[in-house]
Amino acid sequence: MSVAFELDGRPFLALNGGPSYRLTPAFSLYVPCKDQAEIDHFWSALLSDGGEPSRCGWLVDRFGLSWQVIPEELPELISDPRGLQAMLKMTKIDLAALRAAIQP
């Protein structure tokens, strides 16, 4: 059993490995966001109907699939130790707070 789907113009194929295989955070989908509005949109949508927030932009949707909802500029922001420390305290990523954290 399989399903083909498209996310952001990219094709994916998901296979059902049977009941002995469970979803774990070892597999996640990454959602690169351009701005805080996109972060907020995807975060809310993926948590609706029973999802669970986690740390540092991670969450688990109602089906048990892990997602990373983070800004495209995150690697640059956390390359500064102050940005990394700020991110480690976050659940949903606050882009303005990350930018502020690395300001002199």
N, C-alpha and C. Protein backbone atom coordinates (compact mmCIF):
# COMPACT_ATOMS: atom_id res chain seq x y z
N MET A 1 0.85 -1.17 0.00
CA MET A 1 0.00 0.00 0.00
C MET A 1 0.90 1.23 0.00
N SER A 2 0.58 2.17 -0.88
CA SER A 2 1.38 3.38 -0.97
C SER A 2 0.49 4.55 -1.35
N VAL A 3 1.04 5.74 -1.15
CA VAL A 3 0.33 6.94 -1.55
C VAL A 3 1.36 7.91 -2.13
N ALA A 4 1.02 8.51 -3.24
CA ALA A 4 1.86 9.55 -3.85
C ALA A 4 1.21 10.89 -3.53
N PHE A 5 2.03 11.86 -3.15
CA PHE A 5 1.51 13.20 -2.87
C PHE A 5 2.57 14.23 -3.21
N GLU A 6 2.15 15.47 -3.25
CA GLU A 6 3.04 16.57 -3.59
C GLU A 6 2.96 17.63 -2.51
N LEU A 7 4.10 18.11 -2.07
CA LEU A 7 4.19 19.22 -1.11
C LEU A 7 5.11 20.27 -1.69
N ASP A 8 4.61 21.47 -1.83
CA ASP A 8 5.39 22.58 -2.35
C ASP A 8 6.04 22.24 -3.69
N GLY A 9 5.30 21.55 -4.53
CA GLY A 9 5.79 21.20 -5.85
C GLY A 9 6.75 20.03 -5.89
N ARG A 10 6.98 19.37 -4.75
CA ARG A 10 7.90 18.24 -4.70
C ARG A 10 7.12 16.94 -4.54
N PRO A 11 7.37 15.95 -5.37
CA PRO A 11 6.65 14.68 -5.25
C PRO A 11 7.22 13.82 -4.12
N PHE A 12 6.33 13.12 -3.42
CA PHE A 12 6.69 12.20 -2.36
C PHE A 12 5.93 10.91 -2.58
N LEU A 13 6.48 9.81 -2.11
CA LEU A 13 5.81 8.53 -2.11
C LEU A 13 5.95 7.96 -0.71
N ALA A 14 4.83 7.63 -0.08
CA ALA A 14 4.83 7.05 1.26
C ALA A 14 4.39 5.60 1.16
N LEU A 15 5.08 4.73 1.86
CA LEU A 15 4.77 3.30 1.85
C LEU A 15 4.30 2.87 3.23
N ASN A 16 3.33 1.97 3.26
CA ASN A 16 2.86 1.41 4.51
C ASN A 16 3.66 0.13 4.76
N GLY A 17 4.50 0.15 5.78
CA GLY A 17 5.33 -1.00 6.09
C GLY A 17 4.65 -2.00 6.99
N GLY A 18 3.40 -1.75 7.35
CA GLY A 18 2.67 -2.67 8.21
C GLY A 18 2.67 -2.23 9.66
N PRO A 19 1.94 -2.95 10.51
CA PRO A 19 1.75 -2.54 11.89
C PRO A 19 3.00 -2.62 12.77
N SER A 20 4.02 -3.33 12.33
CA SER A 20 5.22 -3.44 13.16
C SER A 20 6.10 -2.19 13.06
N TYR A 21 5.83 -1.32 12.10
CA TYR A 21 6.60 -0.09 11.94
C TYR A 21 5.81 1.09 12.46
N ARG A 22 6.41 1.86 13.32
CA ARG A 22 5.76 3.03 13.91
C ARG A 22 6.51 4.30 13.50
N LEU A 23 5.77 5.40 13.40
CA LEU A 23 6.40 6.69 13.14
C LEU A 23 7.21 7.11 14.37
N THR A 24 8.39 7.64 14.14
CA THR A 24 9.22 8.16 15.23
C THR A 24 9.80 9.50 14.77
N PRO A 25 10.34 10.28 15.70
CA PRO A 25 10.99 11.53 15.30
C PRO A 25 12.24 11.32 14.44
N ALA A 26 12.65 10.06 14.26
CA ALA A 26 13.79 9.78 13.38
C ALA A 26 13.48 10.16 11.94
N PHE A 27 12.19 10.25 11.61
CA PHE A 27 11.76 10.71 10.30
C PHE A 27 10.88 11.93 10.52
N SER A 28 11.19 13.01 9.85
CA SER A 28 10.36 14.20 9.95
C SER A 28 10.32 14.90 8.60
N LEU A 29 9.31 15.72 8.44
CA LEU A 29 9.23 16.57 7.26
C LEU A 29 9.63 17.98 7.68
N TYR A 30 10.37 18.63 6.83
CA TYR A 30 10.92 19.95 7.08
C TYR A 30 10.10 20.98 6.30
N VAL A 31 9.65 22.03 7.00
CA VAL A 31 8.88 23.09 6.35
C VAL A 31 9.67 24.39 6.45
N PRO A 32 10.40 24.77 5.40
CA PRO A 32 11.14 26.04 5.43
C PRO A 32 10.18 27.20 5.20
N CYS A 33 10.20 28.16 6.11
CA CYS A 33 9.26 29.28 6.04
C CYS A 33 9.99 30.59 5.77
N LYS A 34 9.36 31.45 4.97
CA LYS A 34 9.96 32.74 4.59
C LYS A 34 9.85 33.78 5.69
N ASP A 35 8.79 33.69 6.50
CA ASP A 35 8.57 34.73 7.52
C ASP A 35 7.73 34.17 8.67
N GLN A 36 7.49 35.02 9.67
CA GLN A 36 6.74 34.58 10.84
C GLN A 36 5.31 34.19 10.49
N ALA A 37 4.72 34.87 9.52
CA ALA A 37 3.36 34.53 9.12
C ALA A 37 3.28 33.09 8.62
N GLU A 38 4.26 32.67 7.83
CA GLU A 38 4.28 31.28 7.35
C GLU A 38 4.51 30.31 8.51
N ILE A 39 5.43 30.65 9.40
CA ILE A 39 5.67 29.80 10.57
C ILE A 39 4.37 29.62 11.34
N ASP A 40 3.69 30.72 11.63
CA ASP A 40 2.44 30.67 12.39
C ASP A 40 1.38 29.84 11.67
N HIS A 41 1.27 30.03 10.36
CA HIS A 41 0.26 29.31 9.57
C HIS A 41 0.47 27.80 9.64
N PHE A 42 1.68 27.34 9.31
CA PHE A 42 1.93 25.91 9.29
C PHE A 42 1.90 25.30 10.68
N TRP A 43 2.41 26.04 11.67
CA TRP A 43 2.41 25.57 13.05
C TRP A 43 0.97 25.31 13.50
N SER A 44 0.10 26.28 13.28
CA SER A 44 -1.31 26.13 13.69
C SER A 44 -2.00 25.00 12.94
N ALA A 45 -1.79 24.94 11.64
CA ALA A 45 -2.46 23.92 10.83
C ALA A 45 -2.02 22.51 11.23
N LEU A 46 -0.74 22.33 11.46
CA LEU A 46 -0.24 20.99 11.79
C LEU A 46 -0.60 20.56 13.21
N LEU A 47 -0.84 21.51 14.09
CA LEU A 47 -1.24 21.17 15.46
C LEU A 47 -2.75 21.02 15.62
N SER A 48 -3.50 21.45 14.63
CA SER A 48 -4.96 21.37 14.76
C SER A 48 -5.40 19.91 14.88
N ASP A 49 -6.49 19.72 15.52
CA ASP A 49 -7.08 18.38 15.67
C ASP A 49 -6.21 17.39 16.41
N GLY A 50 -5.41 17.86 17.38
CA GLY A 50 -4.73 16.92 18.24
C GLY A 50 -3.23 16.79 18.11
N GLY A 51 -2.56 17.70 17.42
CA GLY A 51 -1.11 17.65 17.34
C GLY A 51 -0.47 18.04 18.68
N GLU A 52 0.83 17.79 18.81
CA GLU A 52 1.56 18.12 20.03
C GLU A 52 2.80 18.95 19.69
N PRO A 53 2.93 20.14 20.28
CA PRO A 53 4.15 20.92 20.05
C PRO A 53 5.34 20.29 20.77
N SER A 54 6.51 20.54 20.25
CA SER A 54 7.73 20.08 20.90
C SER A 54 8.66 21.28 21.03
N ARG A 55 9.95 21.05 20.96
CA ARG A 55 10.92 22.12 21.14
C ARG A 55 11.56 22.52 19.82
N CYS A 56 12.05 23.75 19.78
CA CYS A 56 12.91 24.22 18.70
C CYS A 56 12.27 24.10 17.31
N GLY A 57 10.96 24.36 17.22
CA GLY A 57 10.30 24.32 15.93
C GLY A 57 9.79 22.96 15.52
N TRP A 58 9.90 21.96 16.39
CA TRP A 58 9.41 20.62 16.09
C TRP A 58 8.00 20.45 16.64
N LEU A 59 7.23 19.63 15.96
CA LEU A 59 5.90 19.25 16.46
C LEU A 59 5.56 17.88 15.89
N VAL A 60 4.54 17.28 16.47
CA VAL A 60 4.02 16.01 15.98
C VAL A 60 2.55 16.24 15.63
N ASP A 61 2.16 15.91 14.40
CA ASP A 61 0.77 16.13 13.99
C ASP A 61 -0.14 15.04 14.58
N ARG A 62 -1.41 15.12 14.30
CA ARG A 62 -2.38 14.20 14.90
C ARG A 62 -2.20 12.76 14.44
N PHE A 63 -1.43 12.55 13.37
CA PHE A 63 -1.18 11.20 12.88
C PHE A 63 0.12 10.61 13.45
N GLY A 64 0.87 11.42 14.21
CA GLY A 64 2.13 10.96 14.79
C GLY A 64 3.35 11.27 13.96
N LEU A 65 3.19 12.05 12.91
CA LEU A 65 4.31 12.42 12.04
C LEU A 65 4.99 13.67 12.58
N SER A 66 6.31 13.63 12.67
CA SER A 66 7.09 14.77 13.16
C SER A 66 7.38 15.76 12.03
N TRP A 67 7.31 17.04 12.37
CA TRP A 67 7.56 18.13 11.43
C TRP A 67 8.52 19.13 12.07
N GLN A 68 9.33 19.76 11.25
CA GLN A 68 10.16 20.90 11.64
C GLN A 68 9.61 22.11 10.90
N VAL A 69 9.11 23.10 11.65
CA VAL A 69 8.57 24.32 11.04
C VAL A 69 9.51 25.45 11.45
N ILE A 70 10.40 25.80 10.54
CA ILE A 70 11.46 26.74 10.89
C ILE A 70 11.71 27.74 9.77
N PRO A 71 12.28 28.90 10.11
CA PRO A 71 12.57 29.90 9.08
C PRO A 71 13.73 29.46 8.19
N GLU A 72 13.67 29.87 6.94
CA GLU A 72 14.75 29.55 6.01
C GLU A 72 16.10 30.05 6.51
N GLU A 73 16.08 31.16 7.25
CA GLU A 73 17.34 31.75 7.72
C GLU A 73 17.84 31.16 9.05
N LEU A 74 17.21 30.09 9.54
CA LEU A 74 17.61 29.53 10.82
C LEU A 74 19.09 29.16 10.90
N PRO A 75 19.67 28.49 9.89
CA PRO A 75 21.09 28.15 10.01
C PRO A 75 21.97 29.37 10.28
N GLU A 76 21.68 30.47 9.62
CA GLU A 76 22.46 31.69 9.85
C GLU A 76 22.23 32.22 11.27
N LEU A 77 20.98 32.22 11.71
CA LEU A 77 20.66 32.77 13.04
C LEU A 77 21.27 31.96 14.17
N ILE A 78 21.31 30.64 14.02
CA ILE A 78 21.86 29.82 15.12
C ILE A 78 23.35 29.56 14.97
N SER A 79 23.96 30.10 13.91
CA SER A 79 25.42 30.00 13.82
C SER A 79 26.07 30.90 14.87
N ASP A 80 25.31 31.88 15.34
CA ASP A 80 25.74 32.73 16.47
C ASP A 80 25.28 32.02 17.74
N PRO A 81 26.18 31.78 18.70
CA PRO A 81 25.79 31.08 19.93
C PRO A 81 24.60 31.72 20.66
N ARG A 82 24.45 33.04 20.54
CA ARG A 82 23.31 33.70 21.19
C ARG A 82 22.01 33.31 20.51
N GLY A 83 22.03 33.17 19.21
CA GLY A 83 20.85 32.72 18.49
C GLY A 83 20.50 31.28 18.82
N LEU A 84 21.53 30.44 18.92
CA LEU A 84 21.31 29.04 19.28
C LEU A 84 20.68 28.94 20.67
N GLN A 85 21.23 29.68 21.62
CA GLN A 85 20.68 29.65 22.99
C GLN A 85 19.24 30.14 23.02
N ALA A 86 18.93 31.15 22.24
CA ALA A 86 17.55 31.65 22.19
C ALA A 86 16.62 30.59 21.60
N MET A 87 17.04 29.94 20.53
CA MET A 87 16.21 28.92 19.90
C MET A 87 15.96 27.75 20.84
N LEU A 88 16.95 27.36 21.61
CA LEU A 88 16.81 26.21 22.50
C LEU A 88 15.75 26.43 23.58
N LYS A 89 15.36 27.68 23.81
CA LYS A 89 14.32 27.99 24.80
C LYS A 89 12.92 28.07 24.18
N MET A 90 12.84 27.93 22.87
CA MET A 90 11.58 28.12 22.16
C MET A 90 10.86 26.81 21.91
N THR A 91 9.55 26.91 21.76
CA THR A 91 8.73 25.83 21.23
C THR A 91 8.52 26.17 19.76
N LYS A 92 7.53 27.00 19.45
CA LYS A 92 7.39 27.52 18.09
C LYS A 92 8.47 28.59 17.91
N ILE A 93 9.09 28.62 16.76
CA ILE A 93 10.15 29.59 16.50
C ILE A 93 9.58 31.00 16.40
N ASP A 94 10.20 31.90 17.15
CA ASP A 94 9.87 33.33 17.12
C ASP A 94 11.01 34.02 16.38
N LEU A 95 10.77 34.31 15.12
CA LEU A 95 11.80 34.87 14.25
C LEU A 95 12.34 36.19 14.74
N ALA A 96 11.46 37.08 15.20
CA ALA A 96 11.91 38.39 15.70
C ALA A 96 12.79 38.22 16.93
N ALA A 97 12.45 37.30 17.81
CA ALA A 97 13.26 37.06 19.01
C ALA A 97 14.63 36.50 18.66
N LEU A 98 14.68 35.63 17.65
CA LEU A 98 15.98 35.10 17.22
C LEU A 98 16.84 36.20 16.64
N ARG A 99 16.25 37.03 15.81
CA ARG A 99 17.02 38.14 15.22
C ARG A 99 17.50 39.08 16.31
N ALA A 100 16.65 39.38 17.27
CA ALA A 100 17.03 40.28 18.36
C ALA A 100 18.14 39.69 19.21
N ALA A 101 18.14 38.37 19.37
CA ALA A 101 19.14 37.71 20.22
C ALA A 101 20.55 37.88 19.70
N ILE A 102 20.70 38.01 18.39
CA ILE A 102 22.06 38.10 17.83
C ILE A 102 22.51 39.54 17.59
N GLN A 103 21.65 40.49 17.92
CA GLN A 103 22.04 41.89 17.75
C GLN A 103 23.04 42.30 18.82
N PRO A 104 24.03 43.12 18.44
CA PRO A 104 25.01 43.57 19.44
C PRO A 104 24.40 44.47 20.49
